[in-house]
Amino acid sequence: MELFFANIINDTAATISGDEFRHCVKVLRHKEGDTISFIDGNGGLYSGKITLIASGECTLQIIGHTPDYAKRDYFLHIAVAPTKNLERYEWFMEKATEVGIDELTPIIGEHSERKVFKPERGERIILSAVKQSLKAKIPALNPVVSVKDFIKENAGFDGIKLIAHCNEGVRQNITSVLPKDCRFLIMIGPEGDFSSSEVELAMKNGFIPISLGESRLRTETAALTVVTATYLLTSNF
């Protein structure tokens, strides 16, 4: 199944434009009368017939709609520090989207080597991964924020809050703190890990310290491990 993203949808019709239009019409050669599948980015899967191709847009007549398509049993907001090598972070964004996340927040910590992250390319990577993995909901890519501000802003998060780090102290194995049908907020630090003051602040605000095992993992590997563990341990297959 090919999926497209429609940026305008009403009760009976939808419009595809921009890069999605070019992919649909110029690359895949769809024409008026063809039936295609498309998403609204909020969980809705649609089928529609192309009724008009003009002025860089496809107009579609909606003929089918499945709300909450492929909805998961849990909610996952993951906050990950951008890596020094941006390609590694982009790889993580793609793979995490394929497995399943709801929100991604880039966080900048005291030990971060990369202090700047521009979202435009990341948004395109996420959309491509959504379509490739046949999902209907596009994860939110939130603005960059400091670790300490993120912790404070999410002190009241309604769910389980976890922080993975390699500092000294008691840490629970991730497999012991992932119940089914729940909401999760999980933080992964930069190459230099979270600082002791960041971990302390997180714990004061209700974050549970977790371990991902004995191996020393890169930031993007640790983040994808968390996403995959959440998917495997909490989903009702």
Protein backbone atom coordinates (compact mmCIF):
# COMPACT_ATOMS: atom_id res chain seq x y z
CA MET A 1 0.00 0.00 0.00
CA GLU A 2 1.30 3.44 -0.97
CA LEU A 3 0.49 6.23 1.46
CA PHE A 4 0.35 9.96 0.91
CA PHE A 5 -0.15 12.82 3.33
CA ALA A 6 -3.09 15.14 2.62
CA ASN A 7 -2.67 18.59 4.14
CA ILE A 8 -6.32 19.60 3.62
CA ILE A 9 -9.21 17.27 4.43
CA ASN A 10 -12.91 17.98 4.93
CA ASP A 11 -15.98 15.75 5.10
CA THR A 12 -16.02 14.68 1.46
CA ALA A 13 -12.81 15.86 -0.20
CA ALA A 14 -9.08 16.21 0.34
CA THR A 15 -6.14 17.98 -1.29
CA ILE A 16 -2.57 16.80 -1.82
CA SER A 17 0.06 19.40 -2.68
CA GLY A 18 3.77 20.18 -2.45
CA ASP A 19 6.22 17.27 -2.26
CA GLU A 20 3.34 14.81 -1.79
CA PHE A 21 1.76 15.97 -5.05
CA ARG A 22 5.05 15.62 -6.91
CA HIS A 23 5.57 12.11 -5.56
CA CYS A 24 2.03 11.07 -6.39
CA VAL A 25 1.75 12.54 -9.88
CA LYS A 26 5.26 13.13 -11.20
CA VAL A 27 7.02 10.08 -9.74
CA LEU A 28 4.30 7.42 -9.39
CA ARG A 29 2.28 8.71 -12.37
CA HIS A 30 -1.13 8.64 -10.74
CA LYS A 31 -3.83 10.25 -12.82
CA GLU A 32 -7.44 11.38 -12.56
CA GLY A 33 -9.72 8.45 -11.77
CA ASP A 34 -7.08 6.55 -9.76
CA THR A 35 -7.87 5.52 -6.18
CA ILE A 36 -5.11 6.11 -3.63
CA SER A 37 -4.64 5.84 0.15
CA PHE A 38 -3.69 8.83 2.26
CA ILE A 39 -3.40 9.92 5.88
CA ASP A 40 -4.27 13.04 7.84
CA GLY A 41 -1.33 12.78 10.24
CA ASN A 42 -3.64 12.45 13.25
CA GLY A 43 -4.39 8.74 12.98
CA GLY A 44 -6.92 8.73 10.15
CA LEU A 45 -6.42 6.51 7.09
CA TYR A 46 -8.43 7.40 3.98
CA SER A 47 -9.01 6.12 0.49
CA GLY A 48 -9.98 8.54 -2.23
CA LYS A 49 -10.44 8.93 -5.95
CA ILE A 50 -8.43 11.59 -7.77
CA THR A 51 -11.00 13.90 -9.36
CA LEU A 52 -8.76 16.76 -10.51
CA ILE A 53 -5.07 17.39 -11.09
CA ALA A 54 -4.35 21.08 -11.62
CA SER A 55 -2.10 23.90 -10.42
CA GLY A 56 0.20 21.62 -8.47
CA GLU A 57 -2.58 19.94 -6.49
CA CYS A 58 -4.58 16.71 -6.45
CA THR A 59 -8.22 16.98 -5.46
CA LEU A 60 -9.63 13.74 -4.05
CA GLN A 61 -13.14 12.50 -3.41
CA ILE A 62 -13.09 10.61 -0.10
CA ILE A 63 -14.57 7.12 -0.44
CA GLY A 64 -13.36 5.49 2.78
CA HIS A 65 -12.09 6.46 6.24
CA THR A 66 -10.56 4.42 9.08
CA PRO A 67 -10.03 6.47 12.27
CA ASP A 68 -7.25 5.54 14.73
CA TYR A 69 -5.62 3.29 12.16
CA ALA A 70 -2.95 0.99 13.67
CA LYS A 71 -3.26 2.75 17.02
CA ARG A 72 -0.84 1.45 19.65
CA ASP A 73 -1.71 0.42 23.21
CA TYR A 74 0.61 2.99 24.79
CA PHE A 75 1.80 6.59 24.44
CA LEU A 76 5.53 7.34 24.19
CA HIS A 77 7.18 10.74 24.40
CA ILE A 78 10.94 10.37 24.10
CA ALA A 79 13.38 13.20 24.76
CA VAL A 80 16.82 12.63 23.22
CA ALA A 81 19.89 14.84 23.04
CA PRO A 82 21.00 15.48 19.43
CA THR A 83 24.25 13.71 18.60
CA LYS A 84 27.44 15.41 17.44
CA ASN A 85 27.12 13.50 14.17
CA LEU A 86 23.68 14.61 13.01
CA GLU A 87 23.28 11.65 10.66
CA ARG A 88 23.12 9.35 13.68
CA TYR A 89 20.27 11.37 15.15
CA GLU A 90 18.41 11.36 11.84
CA TRP A 91 18.85 7.58 11.68
CA PHE A 92 17.32 7.33 15.14
CA MET A 93 14.37 9.54 14.18
CA GLU A 94 13.61 7.34 11.17
CA LYS A 95 13.83 4.04 13.03
CA ALA A 96 11.99 5.26 16.13
CA THR A 97 9.13 6.47 13.94
CA GLU A 98 8.97 3.10 12.22
CA VAL A 99 8.75 1.27 15.56
CA GLY A 100 6.36 3.76 17.16
CA ILE A 101 6.60 7.05 19.06
CA ASP A 102 4.13 9.87 19.67
CA GLU A 103 6.44 12.78 20.47
CA LEU A 104 10.14 13.52 20.14
CA THR A 105 11.82 16.40 21.93
CA PRO A 106 15.47 17.27 21.23
CA ILE A 107 17.08 18.22 24.56
CA ILE A 108 20.34 20.07 25.19
CA GLY A 109 22.25 19.08 28.32
CA GLU A 110 25.29 20.35 30.16
CA HIS A 111 27.46 17.75 28.40
CA SER A 112 25.93 18.13 24.92
CA GLU A 113 28.40 18.62 22.08
CA ARG A 114 25.67 19.67 19.64
CA LYS A 115 23.80 22.75 20.83
CA VAL A 116 21.74 23.47 17.68
CA PHE A 117 19.13 21.34 15.94
CA LYS A 118 17.06 22.53 12.97
CA PRO A 119 13.72 20.71 12.63
CA GLU A 120 12.93 21.09 8.92
CA ARG A 121 14.88 18.05 7.67
CA GLY A 122 13.81 16.04 10.72
CA GLU A 123 10.14 16.63 9.93
CA ARG A 124 10.64 15.30 6.39
CA ILE A 125 12.45 12.22 7.71
CA ILE A 126 9.65 11.51 10.16
CA LEU A 127 6.92 11.87 7.52
CA SER A 128 8.79 9.55 5.15
CA ALA A 129 9.16 6.94 7.92
CA VAL A 130 5.46 7.21 8.81
CA LYS A 131 4.47 6.42 5.24
CA GLN A 132 7.07 3.68 4.81
CA SER A 133 5.91 1.88 7.97
CA LEU A 134 2.21 2.30 7.08
CA LYS A 135 1.24 4.49 10.01
CA ALA A 136 -1.43 7.17 10.05
CA LYS A 137 -0.24 9.36 12.92
CA ILE A 138 2.77 11.64 12.50
CA PRO A 139 4.81 11.98 15.70
CA ALA A 140 5.22 15.53 16.97
CA LEU A 141 8.74 16.93 16.68
CA ASN A 142 8.88 19.48 19.49
CA PRO A 143 11.13 22.55 19.75
CA VAL A 144 14.61 22.16 21.22
CA VAL A 145 14.76 22.75 24.97
CA SER A 146 17.38 22.45 27.71
CA VAL A 147 17.37 19.32 29.85
CA LYS A 148 16.55 21.20 33.03
CA ASP A 149 13.73 23.20 31.45
CA PHE A 150 12.31 20.02 29.96
CA ILE A 151 12.30 18.32 33.35
CA LYS A 152 10.54 21.25 34.99
CA GLU A 153 8.00 21.63 32.18
CA ASN A 154 7.06 17.95 32.39
CA ALA A 155 6.96 17.58 36.17
CA GLY A 156 3.21 17.06 35.95
CA PHE A 157 3.28 14.51 33.12
CA ASP A 158 0.41 12.05 33.51
CA GLY A 159 2.23 8.75 33.23
CA ILE A 160 5.54 7.04 33.97
CA LYS A 161 8.67 9.21 33.69
CA LEU A 162 12.06 7.55 33.15
CA ILE A 163 15.62 8.81 32.74
CA ALA A 164 18.35 6.51 31.40
CA HIS A 165 21.86 7.37 32.58
CA CYS A 166 25.22 5.78 33.42
CA ASN A 167 26.03 7.74 36.58
CA GLU A 168 26.45 6.09 39.96
CA GLY A 169 23.37 5.30 41.98
CA VAL A 170 20.48 2.86 42.01
CA ARG A 171 18.87 2.30 38.62
CA GLN A 172 16.06 -0.08 37.75
CA ASN A 173 16.19 -2.34 34.73
CA ILE A 174 13.93 -0.93 32.04
CA THR A 175 12.07 -4.24 31.75
CA SER A 176 10.78 -3.88 35.32
CA VAL A 177 9.14 -0.47 34.89
CA LEU A 178 7.13 -0.80 31.67
CA PRO A 179 3.54 -1.83 32.40
CA LYS A 180 1.08 -2.30 29.57
CA ASP A 181 -1.43 0.30 28.40
CA CYS A 182 0.36 3.29 29.85
CA ARG A 183 1.86 6.69 29.04
CA PHE A 184 5.65 6.99 29.07
CA LEU A 185 8.06 9.91 29.05
CA ILE A 186 11.68 8.75 28.67
CA MET A 187 14.87 10.84 28.58
CA ILE A 188 18.14 9.87 26.86
CA GLY A 189 21.19 12.07 27.33
CA PRO A 190 24.07 13.17 25.06
CA GLU A 191 27.34 11.36 24.35
CA GLY A 192 28.73 12.70 27.64
CA ASP A 193 25.62 11.53 29.53
CA PHE A 194 23.47 13.63 31.83
CA SER A 195 25.26 15.60 34.52
CA SER A 196 24.77 14.60 38.15
CA SER A 197 22.75 17.77 38.74
CA GLU A 198 20.44 16.96 35.81
CA VAL A 199 19.83 13.44 37.13
CA GLU A 200 19.21 14.81 40.62
CA LEU A 201 16.70 17.36 39.30
CA ALA A 202 14.92 14.66 37.28
CA MET A 203 14.60 12.42 40.32
CA LYS A 204 13.23 15.29 42.42
CA ASN A 205 10.57 15.74 39.74
CA GLY A 206 9.45 12.12 39.69
CA PHE A 207 11.69 10.57 37.04
CA ILE A 208 12.76 6.97 37.73
CA PRO A 209 16.44 6.22 36.91
CA ILE A 210 16.78 3.21 34.61
CA SER A 211 19.55 1.01 33.22
CA LEU A 212 19.70 -0.42 29.70
CA GLY A 213 22.16 -3.17 30.58
CA GLU A 214 25.91 -3.57 30.88
CA SER A 215 26.90 -2.45 27.38
CA ARG A 216 27.99 1.13 26.80
CA LEU A 217 25.58 2.39 24.15
CA ARG A 218 25.75 5.38 21.84
CA THR A 219 23.01 7.96 22.34
CA GLU A 220 21.03 6.90 19.27
CA THR A 221 21.44 3.19 20.13
CA ALA A 222 20.21 3.75 23.68
CA ALA A 223 17.26 5.77 22.42
CA LEU A 224 16.23 3.14 19.88
CA THR A 225 16.67 0.41 22.50
CA VAL A 226 14.19 2.25 24.73
CA VAL A 227 11.70 2.70 21.90
CA THR A 228 11.94 -0.97 20.91
CA ALA A 229 11.71 -2.22 24.49
CA THR A 230 8.59 -0.13 25.05
CA TYR A 231 7.03 -1.51 21.87
CA LEU A 232 7.82 -5.15 22.66
CA LEU A 233 7.05 -5.10 26.38
CA THR A 234 3.85 -3.07 26.41
CA SER A 235 2.05 -3.91 23.17
CA ASN A 236 -0.84 -6.39 23.05
CA PHE A 237 0.00 -8.29 19.88
